[in-house]
N, C-alpha and C. Protein backbone atom coordinates (compact mmCIF):
# COMPACT_ATOMS: atom_id res chain seq x y z
N MET A 1 95.07 168.40 42.40
CA MET A 1 93.49 169.17 43.22
C MET A 1 92.84 169.21 41.50
N THR A 2 91.35 168.82 42.22
CA THR A 2 90.80 168.94 40.84
C THR A 2 90.65 170.85 40.56
N GLU A 3 90.82 170.82 39.37
CA GLU A 3 90.19 172.28 38.40
C GLU A 3 88.98 172.87 39.16
N THR A 4 89.36 174.17 39.28
CA THR A 4 87.21 174.71 39.18
C THR A 4 86.75 174.92 37.85
N PRO A 5 85.73 174.32 37.69
CA PRO A 5 84.96 174.74 36.42
C PRO A 5 85.07 175.78 36.26
N SER A 6 85.32 176.51 35.21
CA SER A 6 85.65 177.50 34.42
C SER A 6 84.38 178.49 34.85
N HIS A 7 82.80 178.33 34.95
CA HIS A 7 81.89 179.06 34.78
C HIS A 7 81.86 179.22 36.85
N ARG A 8 82.64 178.03 37.56
CA ARG A 8 82.16 178.42 38.86
C ARG A 8 83.43 179.81 38.92
N LYS A 9 84.53 179.65 38.40
CA LYS A 9 85.66 180.32 38.54
C LYS A 9 85.35 181.94 38.47
N ALA A 10 84.86 181.90 36.93
CA ALA A 10 84.32 183.26 36.90
C ALA A 10 82.97 184.45 37.45
N THR A 11 81.99 182.75 38.29
CA THR A 11 81.30 183.67 39.23
C THR A 11 81.87 184.15 40.57
N ALA A 12 82.88 183.35 40.80
CA ALA A 12 83.44 183.90 42.28
C ALA A 12 84.18 185.21 41.44
N ASP A 13 85.05 184.96 40.43
CA ASP A 13 85.75 186.24 40.18
C ASP A 13 85.15 187.75 40.47
N ALA A 14 83.48 187.55 39.51
CA ALA A 14 82.91 188.44 39.68
C ALA A 14 81.88 188.61 40.62
N TYR A 15 81.82 187.80 41.29
CA TYR A 15 80.85 188.72 42.79
C TYR A 15 82.05 189.40 43.49
N ASP A 16 83.18 188.55 43.96
CA ASP A 16 84.37 189.10 44.48
C ASP A 16 84.91 190.77 43.79
N ALA A 17 84.69 191.11 42.90
CA ALA A 17 85.24 192.29 42.18
C ALA A 17 83.48 193.77 42.89
N VAL A 18 82.64 192.58 42.69
CA VAL A 18 81.93 193.80 43.23
C VAL A 18 81.21 193.61 44.43
N SER A 19 81.58 193.28 45.34
CA SER A 19 81.00 192.29 46.58
C SER A 19 80.36 193.40 47.07
N VAL A 20 81.37 194.49 47.81
CA VAL A 20 80.97 195.77 48.17
C VAL A 20 79.51 196.44 47.80
N LEU A 21 79.63 196.83 46.59
CA LEU A 21 78.72 197.28 45.81
C LEU A 21 77.20 196.52 46.21
N TYR A 22 77.36 194.93 45.95
CA TYR A 22 76.40 194.31 45.83
C TYR A 22 75.85 194.53 47.09
N ALA A 23 76.57 194.18 48.32
CA ALA A 23 76.22 193.98 49.93
C ALA A 23 75.06 195.70 49.97
N GLU A 24 75.60 196.67 49.83
CA GLU A 24 75.20 197.59 49.57
C GLU A 24 74.35 198.08 49.06
N VAL A 25 73.59 197.10 47.52
CA VAL A 25 72.47 197.78 46.94
C VAL A 25 71.53 196.66 47.51
N THR A 26 71.57 195.30 47.98
CA THR A 26 70.45 194.54 48.40
C THR A 26 70.52 194.27 49.46
N ARG A 27 71.17 195.16 50.01
CA ARG A 27 70.96 195.51 52.27
C ARG A 27 69.53 195.22 52.77
N ASP A 28 68.59 196.09 51.78
CA ASP A 28 67.52 196.17 52.78
C ASP A 28 66.25 195.83 51.25
N ALA A 29 66.57 194.94 50.25
CA ALA A 29 65.75 194.33 49.36
C ALA A 29 64.71 194.04 49.92
N LEU A 30 64.93 193.38 51.04
CA LEU A 30 63.25 192.39 51.20
C LEU A 30 62.29 193.18 52.07
N ASP A 31 62.91 194.35 52.64
CA ASP A 31 61.79 195.01 53.42
C ASP A 31 60.86 195.84 52.38
N ALA A 32 61.01 195.75 51.00
CA ALA A 32 59.80 196.05 50.06
C ALA A 32 59.05 194.93 49.26
N GLN A 33 59.56 193.69 49.53
CA GLN A 33 58.92 192.98 49.18
C GLN A 33 57.80 191.65 49.83
N PRO A 34 56.98 192.11 50.17
CA PRO A 34 56.39 191.36 51.28
C PRO A 34 55.84 189.59 50.82
N LEU A 35 55.91 189.48 49.28
CA LEU A 35 55.72 188.10 48.85
C LEU A 35 56.84 187.58 48.83
N ASP A 36 57.99 187.73 49.04
CA ASP A 36 59.07 187.03 49.46
C ASP A 36 59.28 186.94 50.73
N ARG A 37 59.23 187.86 51.38
CA ARG A 37 59.02 187.85 52.88
C ARG A 37 58.15 185.81 53.56
N ALA A 38 56.90 186.62 52.75
CA ALA A 38 56.07 185.15 53.17
C ALA A 38 56.34 183.74 52.55
N VAL A 39 56.89 183.97 50.97
CA VAL A 39 57.73 182.87 51.07
C VAL A 39 59.01 182.24 52.41
N LEU A 40 59.66 183.07 52.23
CA LEU A 40 60.45 182.23 53.41
C LEU A 40 60.07 182.12 54.78
N ALA A 41 58.93 183.33 55.18
CA ALA A 41 58.06 182.19 56.09
C ALA A 41 57.76 181.81 56.41
N ALA A 42 56.90 180.82 55.16
CA ALA A 42 56.54 179.68 55.37
C ALA A 42 57.54 178.31 55.27
N PHE A 43 58.48 178.54 54.61
CA PHE A 43 59.93 177.81 54.26
C PHE A 43 60.49 177.43 55.54
N ALA A 44 60.41 178.45 56.54
CA ALA A 44 60.65 178.25 58.10
C ALA A 44 60.22 178.08 58.70
N GLU A 45 58.38 178.26 58.63
CA GLU A 45 57.68 177.25 59.85
C GLU A 45 57.60 176.06 59.22
N LEU A 46 57.88 175.18 58.35
CA LEU A 46 57.97 173.82 57.49
C LEU A 46 59.05 173.51 58.10
N ALA A 47 60.89 174.17 57.97
CA ALA A 47 61.83 173.82 58.64
C ALA A 47 61.83 173.77 60.15
N ARG A 48 60.98 174.25 60.91
CA ARG A 48 60.72 173.91 62.34
C ARG A 48 59.65 172.81 63.31
N THR A 49 59.09 172.81 61.54
CA THR A 49 58.73 171.48 62.03
C THR A 49 58.92 169.80 61.93
N ASN A 50 60.08 170.64 61.38
CA ASN A 50 60.62 169.15 60.74
C ASN A 50 61.68 168.68 61.16
N GLU A 51 61.76 167.46 62.18
CA GLU A 51 63.50 167.51 63.17
C GLU A 51 64.48 167.42 62.36
N GLY A 52 65.39 167.55 62.15
CA GLY A 52 66.75 167.17 61.60
C GLY A 52 67.69 168.49 61.88
N GLY A 53 68.99 168.52 60.80
CA GLY A 53 69.75 169.54 61.06
C GLY A 53 69.05 170.95 61.44
N PRO A 54 70.81 171.72 60.82
CA PRO A 54 70.25 173.21 60.57
C PRO A 54 70.25 173.46 59.21
N VAL A 55 69.55 174.59 58.86
CA VAL A 55 69.74 174.90 57.70
C VAL A 55 70.40 175.80 57.08
N ALA A 56 70.76 175.78 55.49
CA ALA A 56 71.66 176.47 55.33
C ALA A 56 71.09 176.96 53.91
N GLU A 57 72.00 178.64 53.51
CA GLU A 57 71.40 179.61 52.50
C GLU A 57 72.73 179.04 51.64
N LEU A 58 72.65 178.09 50.34
CA LEU A 58 73.38 178.08 49.85
C LEU A 58 73.80 178.64 48.56
N GLY A 59 74.82 180.00 48.41
CA GLY A 59 75.05 180.86 47.54
C GLY A 59 74.72 182.20 48.35
N CYS A 60 75.33 182.34 49.71
CA CYS A 60 74.49 183.02 50.62
C CYS A 60 74.86 184.80 50.43
N GLY A 61 75.59 184.60 49.51
CA GLY A 61 76.12 186.32 49.37
C GLY A 61 76.61 187.16 50.56
N PRO A 62 76.27 188.40 50.58
CA PRO A 62 76.49 188.88 51.84
C PRO A 62 75.81 188.52 53.37
N GLY A 63 75.08 187.52 52.82
CA GLY A 63 74.44 187.12 54.27
C GLY A 63 73.44 187.78 54.61
N ARG A 64 71.98 188.49 53.30
CA ARG A 64 71.15 189.21 54.39
C ARG A 64 69.99 188.51 54.53
N VAL A 65 69.86 187.38 53.34
CA VAL A 65 69.09 186.40 53.83
C VAL A 65 68.91 185.43 54.80
N THR A 66 70.38 184.53 55.02
CA THR A 66 70.75 184.18 56.28
C THR A 66 70.47 184.66 57.47
N ALA A 67 70.61 186.14 57.84
CA ALA A 67 70.47 186.44 58.88
C ALA A 67 69.02 186.66 58.84
N HIS A 68 68.34 187.11 57.55
CA HIS A 68 66.40 186.80 58.08
C HIS A 68 66.38 185.85 58.71
N LEU A 69 66.81 184.65 57.97
CA LEU A 69 66.07 182.96 58.46
C LEU A 69 66.54 183.01 59.84
N ARG A 70 67.56 183.36 60.35
CA ARG A 70 67.55 183.62 61.83
C ARG A 70 66.78 184.00 62.68
N ASP A 71 66.33 185.37 62.35
CA ASP A 71 65.21 186.08 62.61
C ASP A 71 64.08 185.06 62.62
N LEU A 72 64.05 184.46 62.23
CA LEU A 72 62.27 183.95 61.65
C LEU A 72 63.03 182.55 62.80
N GLY A 73 64.33 182.29 63.40
CA GLY A 73 64.18 181.16 64.11
C GLY A 73 64.60 180.24 63.78
N LEU A 74 65.23 180.15 62.91
CA LEU A 74 66.29 179.03 62.24
C LEU A 74 67.96 179.11 62.74
N ASP A 75 68.31 177.64 62.67
CA ASP A 75 69.44 177.65 63.15
C ASP A 75 70.27 177.49 61.49
N VAL A 76 71.08 178.62 61.43
CA VAL A 76 71.34 178.66 60.09
C VAL A 76 72.78 178.92 59.83
N PHE A 77 73.22 178.56 58.74
CA PHE A 77 74.58 179.49 57.89
C PHE A 77 74.34 179.11 56.77
N GLY A 78 75.55 179.93 56.23
CA GLY A 78 75.72 180.49 54.91
C GLY A 78 76.79 180.03 54.24
N VAL A 79 76.77 180.00 52.93
CA VAL A 79 77.99 179.28 52.38
C VAL A 79 77.44 179.78 50.92
N ASP A 80 79.09 180.51 50.46
CA ASP A 80 79.18 180.85 49.15
C ASP A 80 80.65 180.78 48.18
N LEU A 81 80.26 180.85 46.95
CA LEU A 81 81.83 180.79 46.08
C LEU A 81 82.63 181.65 46.51
N SER A 82 82.17 182.72 46.86
CA SER A 82 83.18 184.00 46.04
C SER A 82 83.43 184.53 48.30
N PRO A 83 84.91 184.38 48.28
CA PRO A 83 85.38 183.96 49.28
C PRO A 83 84.93 185.85 49.77
N VAL A 84 85.29 186.84 49.15
CA VAL A 84 85.08 188.38 49.55
C VAL A 84 83.83 188.40 49.90
N MET A 85 82.87 188.10 49.78
CA MET A 85 81.31 187.81 49.63
C MET A 85 81.55 187.30 51.14
N VAL A 86 81.48 186.14 51.35
CA VAL A 86 81.86 185.22 53.00
C VAL A 86 82.93 186.12 53.89
N ASP A 87 83.39 186.92 53.48
CA ASP A 87 84.65 187.86 54.54
C ASP A 87 83.42 188.96 54.72
N LEU A 88 82.72 189.50 53.85
CA LEU A 88 81.40 190.81 54.28
C LEU A 88 80.25 190.19 55.22
N ALA A 89 79.92 188.94 54.87
CA ALA A 89 79.07 188.67 55.33
C ALA A 89 79.48 188.28 57.09
N ARG A 90 80.62 187.50 56.97
CA ARG A 90 81.27 187.59 58.64
C ARG A 90 81.48 188.52 59.40
N GLU A 91 81.49 189.86 58.79
CA GLU A 91 81.94 190.92 59.21
C GLU A 91 80.80 191.52 59.73
N THR A 92 79.46 191.57 58.82
CA THR A 92 78.17 192.10 59.23
C THR A 92 77.50 191.28 60.37
N TYR A 93 77.37 190.23 59.99
CA TYR A 93 77.02 188.83 61.19
C TYR A 93 77.61 188.03 61.50
N PRO A 94 78.58 188.93 62.81
CA PRO A 94 79.40 187.99 63.45
C PRO A 94 79.07 186.95 64.56
N ASP A 95 77.54 186.55 64.49
CA ASP A 95 77.12 185.74 65.21
C ASP A 95 76.76 184.20 64.42
N LEU A 96 76.77 185.10 63.07
CA LEU A 96 76.43 183.74 62.32
C LEU A 96 77.79 183.28 61.72
N ARG A 97 77.23 181.81 60.98
CA ARG A 97 78.12 180.96 60.24
C ARG A 97 78.31 181.17 58.96
N PHE A 98 79.80 181.14 58.36
CA PHE A 98 79.84 181.54 57.22
C PHE A 98 80.75 180.40 56.04
N GLU A 99 80.79 179.92 54.99
CA GLU A 99 81.88 179.38 54.77
C GLU A 99 81.96 179.66 53.53
N VAL A 100 82.94 179.01 52.98
CA VAL A 100 82.99 179.20 51.32
C VAL A 100 83.26 177.82 50.76
N GLY A 101 82.38 177.60 49.52
CA GLY A 101 82.19 176.09 49.13
C GLY A 101 81.48 176.36 48.12
N SER A 102 81.06 175.36 46.96
CA SER A 102 80.30 174.94 46.31
C SER A 102 78.83 174.41 46.35
N MET A 103 77.74 174.68 45.75
CA MET A 103 77.00 174.05 45.89
C MET A 103 76.50 172.80 45.52
N ASP A 104 77.50 172.67 44.54
CA ASP A 104 77.46 170.79 44.05
C ASP A 104 78.21 170.12 44.42
N ALA A 105 79.30 170.09 45.01
CA ALA A 105 80.30 169.78 46.04
C ALA A 105 80.28 170.25 47.69
N LEU A 106 79.49 170.28 48.31
CA LEU A 106 79.36 170.77 49.73
C LEU A 106 80.01 169.76 50.63
N SER A 107 80.57 170.27 51.50
CA SER A 107 81.67 169.52 52.69
C SER A 107 80.80 169.09 53.88
N LEU A 108 79.45 168.35 53.69
CA LEU A 108 78.34 167.92 54.33
C LEU A 108 78.24 166.64 54.07
N ALA A 109 77.68 165.86 55.64
CA ALA A 109 77.18 164.76 55.20
C ALA A 109 76.08 163.72 54.76
N ASP A 110 75.94 163.01 54.57
CA ASP A 110 74.44 162.97 54.03
C ASP A 110 73.68 162.92 55.05
N GLY A 111 72.63 163.74 54.57
CA GLY A 111 71.28 163.92 55.32
C GLY A 111 71.40 164.98 56.76
N SER A 112 72.64 166.05 56.18
CA SER A 112 72.60 166.17 57.73
C SER A 112 72.05 168.31 57.83
N LEU A 113 71.27 168.46 56.63
CA LEU A 113 70.61 169.38 56.95
C LEU A 113 69.04 168.80 56.72
N ASN A 114 68.50 170.20 57.20
CA ASN A 114 66.80 170.33 57.74
C ASN A 114 66.33 170.65 56.48
N GLY A 115 66.97 171.35 56.12
CA GLY A 115 66.54 172.73 55.09
C GLY A 115 67.53 173.58 54.32
N ILE A 116 67.32 173.84 53.14
CA ILE A 116 68.16 174.56 51.83
C ILE A 116 67.05 175.99 51.45
N VAL A 117 68.09 176.58 51.94
CA VAL A 117 67.45 178.25 50.50
C VAL A 117 68.62 178.34 49.52
N SER A 118 68.18 178.40 48.29
CA SER A 118 68.61 178.47 47.19
C SER A 118 68.53 179.94 46.57
N TRP A 119 68.96 181.00 46.94
CA TRP A 119 68.08 181.98 46.89
C TRP A 119 68.61 183.07 45.58
N TYR A 120 68.23 182.65 44.30
CA TYR A 120 69.12 183.57 42.81
C TYR A 120 70.58 182.97 43.10
N SER A 121 70.85 181.86 43.73
CA SER A 121 72.01 181.03 43.39
C SER A 121 72.47 180.38 42.48
N VAL A 122 71.84 179.59 41.90
CA VAL A 122 71.66 178.31 40.82
C VAL A 122 71.58 179.46 39.44
N ILE A 123 71.29 180.56 39.32
CA ILE A 123 71.02 181.13 38.17
C ILE A 123 72.22 181.17 37.17
N HIS A 124 73.35 181.26 37.50
CA HIS A 124 74.49 181.74 36.59
C HIS A 124 75.00 179.99 36.32
N THR A 125 74.55 179.03 36.78
CA THR A 125 74.70 177.68 36.29
C THR A 125 74.65 177.28 35.05
N PRO A 126 75.05 176.50 34.23
CA PRO A 126 74.73 176.10 32.98
C PRO A 126 74.02 175.45 33.04
N PRO A 127 73.09 175.09 31.98
CA PRO A 127 71.62 174.60 32.40
C PRO A 127 72.11 172.91 32.13
N GLN A 128 73.04 172.28 31.82
CA GLN A 128 73.28 171.10 31.86
C GLN A 128 73.81 170.68 33.01
N ASP A 129 74.41 171.89 33.49
CA ASP A 129 74.66 172.00 35.07
C ASP A 129 73.79 171.40 36.54
N VAL A 130 72.98 172.14 35.93
CA VAL A 130 71.69 172.31 37.30
C VAL A 130 71.55 170.89 38.21
N PRO A 131 71.23 169.53 36.77
CA PRO A 131 70.67 168.93 37.52
C PRO A 131 71.72 167.95 38.76
N SER A 132 72.92 168.40 38.72
CA SER A 132 74.33 168.12 39.88
C SER A 132 73.51 168.39 41.04
N TYR A 133 72.90 169.83 40.84
CA TYR A 133 72.85 170.51 41.97
C TYR A 133 72.23 170.25 42.85
N PHE A 134 71.09 169.61 41.74
CA PHE A 134 69.72 169.36 43.20
C PHE A 134 70.14 168.08 43.26
N ASP A 135 70.74 166.96 43.12
CA ASP A 135 71.65 165.48 43.58
C ASP A 135 71.92 166.17 44.22
N GLU A 136 72.85 166.94 44.76
CA GLU A 136 73.41 167.31 45.83
C GLU A 136 72.59 168.02 46.71
N PHE A 137 71.99 168.76 46.65
CA PHE A 137 70.83 169.38 47.56
C PHE A 137 70.32 167.58 48.34
N CYS A 138 69.62 167.04 47.58
CA CYS A 138 68.73 165.48 48.14
C CYS A 138 70.06 164.93 48.25
N ARG A 139 70.94 165.24 48.38
CA ARG A 139 72.31 164.36 49.19
C ARG A 139 72.50 164.88 50.53
N VAL A 140 72.73 166.07 50.67
CA VAL A 140 72.45 166.70 52.28
C VAL A 140 71.26 166.61 52.74
N LEU A 141 70.44 166.44 52.28
CA LEU A 141 69.14 167.30 53.03
C LEU A 141 68.57 165.95 53.57
N THR A 142 67.74 166.02 55.02
CA THR A 142 67.42 164.68 55.48
C THR A 142 66.18 164.38 55.28
N PRO A 143 65.88 163.41 55.22
CA PRO A 143 64.56 163.32 54.50
C PRO A 143 63.12 163.68 55.12
N GLY A 144 62.38 164.14 54.46
CA GLY A 144 61.45 165.34 54.88
C GLY A 144 61.85 166.57 54.81
N GLY A 145 63.34 167.17 54.54
CA GLY A 145 64.12 168.29 54.66
C GLY A 145 63.39 169.24 53.46
N HIS A 146 63.14 170.35 53.30
CA HIS A 146 62.66 171.31 52.49
C HIS A 146 63.69 172.13 51.73
N LEU A 147 63.67 172.23 50.37
CA LEU A 147 64.22 173.38 49.26
C LEU A 147 63.55 174.45 49.30
N LEU A 148 63.91 175.76 49.08
CA LEU A 148 63.27 176.68 48.87
C LEU A 148 64.09 177.60 47.64
N LEU A 149 63.59 177.09 46.45
CA LEU A 149 65.06 178.01 45.06
C LEU A 149 64.01 179.61 44.83
N GLY A 150 64.65 180.77 44.49
CA GLY A 150 64.17 181.61 44.14
C GLY A 150 65.28 182.26 42.78
N PHE A 151 64.47 182.24 41.63
CA PHE A 151 65.27 182.36 40.38
C PHE A 151 64.46 183.65 39.73
N PHE A 152 64.95 183.75 38.29
CA PHE A 152 64.34 184.47 37.63
C PHE A 152 63.59 183.85 36.21
N GLU A 153 62.33 183.43 36.08
CA GLU A 153 61.02 182.87 35.48
C GLU A 153 60.91 183.26 34.43
N SER A 154 61.12 182.36 33.07
CA SER A 154 61.28 182.74 31.38
C SER A 154 59.46 182.47 30.89
N GLY A 155 58.74 182.33 31.94
CA GLY A 155 57.07 182.38 30.80
C GLY A 155 56.93 181.24 30.37
N ASP A 156 56.82 181.41 28.84
CA ASP A 156 56.58 180.75 28.01
C ASP A 156 57.48 180.25 27.21
N ASP A 157 58.69 180.96 27.38
CA ASP A 157 60.16 180.81 26.69
C ASP A 157 61.44 179.17 27.10
N PRO A 158 61.99 178.85 25.90
CA PRO A 158 62.87 177.73 27.36
C PRO A 158 63.60 178.42 28.49
N VAL A 159 64.60 177.78 28.86
CA VAL A 159 65.63 178.39 29.80
C VAL A 159 66.34 179.30 28.90
N THR A 160 66.77 180.65 29.19
CA THR A 160 67.28 181.59 28.36
C THR A 160 68.51 182.23 28.69
N GLU A 161 69.10 182.22 28.48
CA GLU A 161 70.61 183.15 28.97
C GLU A 161 70.20 184.65 29.05
N PHE A 162 70.74 185.64 29.85
CA PHE A 162 70.78 186.94 29.64
C PHE A 162 71.60 188.01 30.70
N ASP A 163 71.63 188.88 30.16
CA ASP A 163 72.77 190.02 30.73
C ASP A 163 72.68 190.57 32.17
N HIS A 164 73.19 189.49 32.70
CA HIS A 164 73.00 189.66 34.61
C HIS A 164 74.19 190.65 34.56
N LYS A 165 73.37 191.15 35.64
CA LYS A 165 74.47 192.88 36.17
C LYS A 165 76.30 192.39 36.42
N VAL A 166 75.70 190.97 37.07
CA VAL A 166 77.47 190.73 37.61
C VAL A 166 78.29 189.77 36.88
N VAL A 167 77.42 188.78 36.15
CA VAL A 167 78.42 187.84 35.37
C VAL A 167 76.93 187.02 35.04
N THR A 168 77.10 186.42 33.65
CA THR A 168 76.07 185.66 32.42
C THR A 168 75.13 184.82 33.81
N ALA A 169 73.88 184.65 33.57
CA ALA A 169 72.48 184.09 34.47
C ALA A 169 71.45 183.18 33.32
N TYR A 170 70.51 182.33 34.19
CA TYR A 170 69.97 182.04 33.02
C TYR A 170 68.88 182.42 33.52
N ARG A 171 67.33 182.67 32.75
CA ARG A 171 65.77 182.63 32.99
C ARG A 171 65.19 181.14 33.23
N TRP A 172 64.91 180.79 33.73
CA TRP A 172 63.95 179.34 33.95
C TRP A 172 62.35 179.27 33.75
N PRO A 173 61.89 178.26 32.83
CA PRO A 173 60.20 177.90 33.04
C PRO A 173 60.61 177.04 34.22
N ILE A 174 59.48 177.79 35.26
CA ILE A 174 59.21 177.24 36.46
C ILE A 174 58.91 175.74 36.30
N ASP A 175 58.58 175.32 35.50
CA ASP A 175 57.75 173.88 35.12
C ASP A 175 59.22 172.92 34.97
N ASP A 176 59.97 173.41 34.01
CA ASP A 176 61.25 172.71 34.14
C ASP A 176 62.16 172.68 35.17
N LEU A 177 61.94 173.87 35.73
CA LEU A 177 63.18 173.31 37.57
C LEU A 177 62.15 172.42 38.23
N ALA A 178 61.18 172.60 38.20
CA ALA A 178 60.04 171.70 39.09
C ALA A 178 60.31 169.80 38.50
N LYS A 179 60.52 169.78 37.46
CA LYS A 179 60.59 168.60 37.11
C LYS A 179 62.04 167.99 37.02
N MET A 180 62.68 168.80 37.16
CA MET A 180 64.24 168.60 37.46
C MET A 180 64.02 168.11 38.81
N ALA A 181 63.96 169.00 39.21
CA ALA A 181 63.79 168.75 41.13
C ALA A 181 63.08 167.38 41.19
N ALA A 182 61.97 166.97 40.94
CA ALA A 182 61.24 165.73 40.82
C ALA A 182 61.84 164.43 40.49
N GLU A 183 62.99 165.06 39.54
CA GLU A 183 63.80 163.86 39.07
C GLU A 183 65.04 163.29 40.19
N ALA A 184 64.84 164.51 40.95
CA ALA A 184 66.91 164.11 41.84
C ALA A 184 65.58 163.42 43.37
N GLY A 185 64.28 163.18 43.43
CA GLY A 185 63.91 162.89 44.62
C GLY A 185 63.28 164.15 45.04
N PHE A 186 62.64 165.29 44.50
CA PHE A 186 62.01 166.46 45.33
C PHE A 186 60.49 166.15 44.78
N ALA A 187 59.56 166.37 45.97
CA ALA A 187 58.12 166.68 46.15
C ALA A 187 57.84 167.76 45.74
N GLU A 188 56.83 169.02 44.94
CA GLU A 188 56.72 170.05 45.03
C GLU A 188 55.50 169.81 46.18
N VAL A 189 56.07 170.88 47.09
CA VAL A 189 54.98 171.74 48.37
C VAL A 189 54.19 172.64 47.52
N GLY A 190 54.54 173.70 46.88
CA GLY A 190 54.01 174.81 46.58
C GLY A 190 54.66 175.70 45.61
N ARG A 191 54.27 176.62 44.63
CA ARG A 191 55.00 177.40 43.96
C ARG A 191 54.34 178.70 43.90
N MET A 192 55.53 180.05 43.29
CA MET A 192 54.62 181.45 43.65
C MET A 192 55.75 182.18 42.31
N LEU A 193 55.26 182.39 41.47
CA LEU A 193 55.37 184.09 40.46
C LEU A 193 54.87 184.94 40.90
N ARG A 194 56.02 185.83 40.67
CA ARG A 194 55.92 187.69 41.30
C ARG A 194 56.54 188.34 39.85
N GLU A 195 55.14 188.99 39.74
CA GLU A 195 55.52 190.16 38.49
C GLU A 195 56.60 191.13 38.87
N PRO A 196 57.18 191.44 38.05
CA PRO A 196 58.54 192.56 38.29
C PRO A 196 58.39 193.58 38.85
N ARG A 197 58.94 194.33 39.83
CA ARG A 197 58.16 195.29 40.37
C ARG A 197 59.44 195.77 39.88
N GLU A 198 59.45 197.97 39.97
CA GLU A 198 59.92 198.74 39.41
C GLU A 198 61.34 198.57 39.72
N GLY A 199 62.21 198.47 38.50
CA GLY A 199 63.56 198.41 39.04
C GLY A 199 63.90 196.62 38.09
N GLU A 200 63.25 196.21 38.32
CA GLU A 200 63.29 194.52 37.78
C GLU A 200 62.56 194.26 36.27
N ARG A 201 63.83 193.63 35.76
CA ARG A 201 63.32 193.17 34.63
C ARG A 201 62.55 192.12 34.21
N PHE A 202 62.46 190.97 35.05
CA PHE A 202 62.27 189.60 34.83
C PHE A 202 60.89 189.39 35.38
N ARG A 203 60.23 188.69 35.34
CA ARG A 203 59.01 187.78 36.50
C ARG A 203 59.96 187.07 37.68
N GLN A 204 59.44 186.96 38.61
CA GLN A 204 60.46 185.99 39.94
C GLN A 204 59.61 184.95 39.79
N GLY A 205 60.49 183.54 40.02
CA GLY A 205 59.93 182.22 40.57
C GLY A 205 60.65 181.78 41.73
N ARG A 206 59.46 181.17 42.55
CA ARG A 206 60.13 180.73 43.47
C ARG A 206 59.15 179.13 43.69
N LEU A 207 59.73 178.27 43.97
CA LEU A 207 59.56 176.99 44.12
C LEU A 207 60.32 176.54 45.54
N LEU A 208 58.73 175.56 46.28
CA LEU A 208 59.15 175.48 47.43
C LEU A 208 58.89 173.65 47.70
N MET A 209 59.81 172.97 47.86
CA MET A 209 60.08 171.60 47.55
C MET A 209 60.09 170.30 49.20
N ARG A 210 59.91 169.31 49.12
CA ARG A 210 60.66 168.30 50.08
C ARG A 210 60.77 166.98 49.80
N ARG A 211 61.95 166.82 50.21
CA ARG A 211 63.03 165.88 49.73
C ARG A 211 62.32 164.85 50.10
N GLY A 212 61.99 163.38 49.22
CA GLY A 212 61.55 162.61 49.54
C GLY A 212 62.28 161.50 50.63
N SER A 213 61.35 160.36 51.22
CA SER A 213 61.99 159.14 51.72
C SER A 213 63.34 158.65 51.73
């Protein structure tokens, strides 16, 4: 059996330990974030117009964004590294499908997804490993499928490690992530930077991309 990389195990263990509190704190987060809802709605509209398979939220946590995408009319399921988070998601949204898995080694066929949402889920990945995640996203997306990435943005600073409340995370310059995605085969559709709201420390980045043919 291949050993789970240490950063993946640390992330899964950390989220297992705080899963119930995390679910409570984030349950209504989208209610106060109209710009985030707008970006998710734009992704959903694009996904509905492209023929293909279902949409996956990768790094779904307790499933709130997966459920929101379902409410936007998408055939969607969630994948997360944390077994406890997946159990919580299944309990909270019994009508939706949730699986334990890693975003860089998905048990999915090539081109089987119509869209991917990675909402603050690559933030815990060491920078040198992020390209392999984009490669995997490209592999499982159908040509023309869309990827929506949410992350903490670092402005003019290079990729920067910070003390995330759960486990070590990284802030990224939006241009660096866009370039990395392009090298994996994605074309940028649009981007958004949102200033931090009350209780947030950093500017928030969103990248909407489309897989090439």
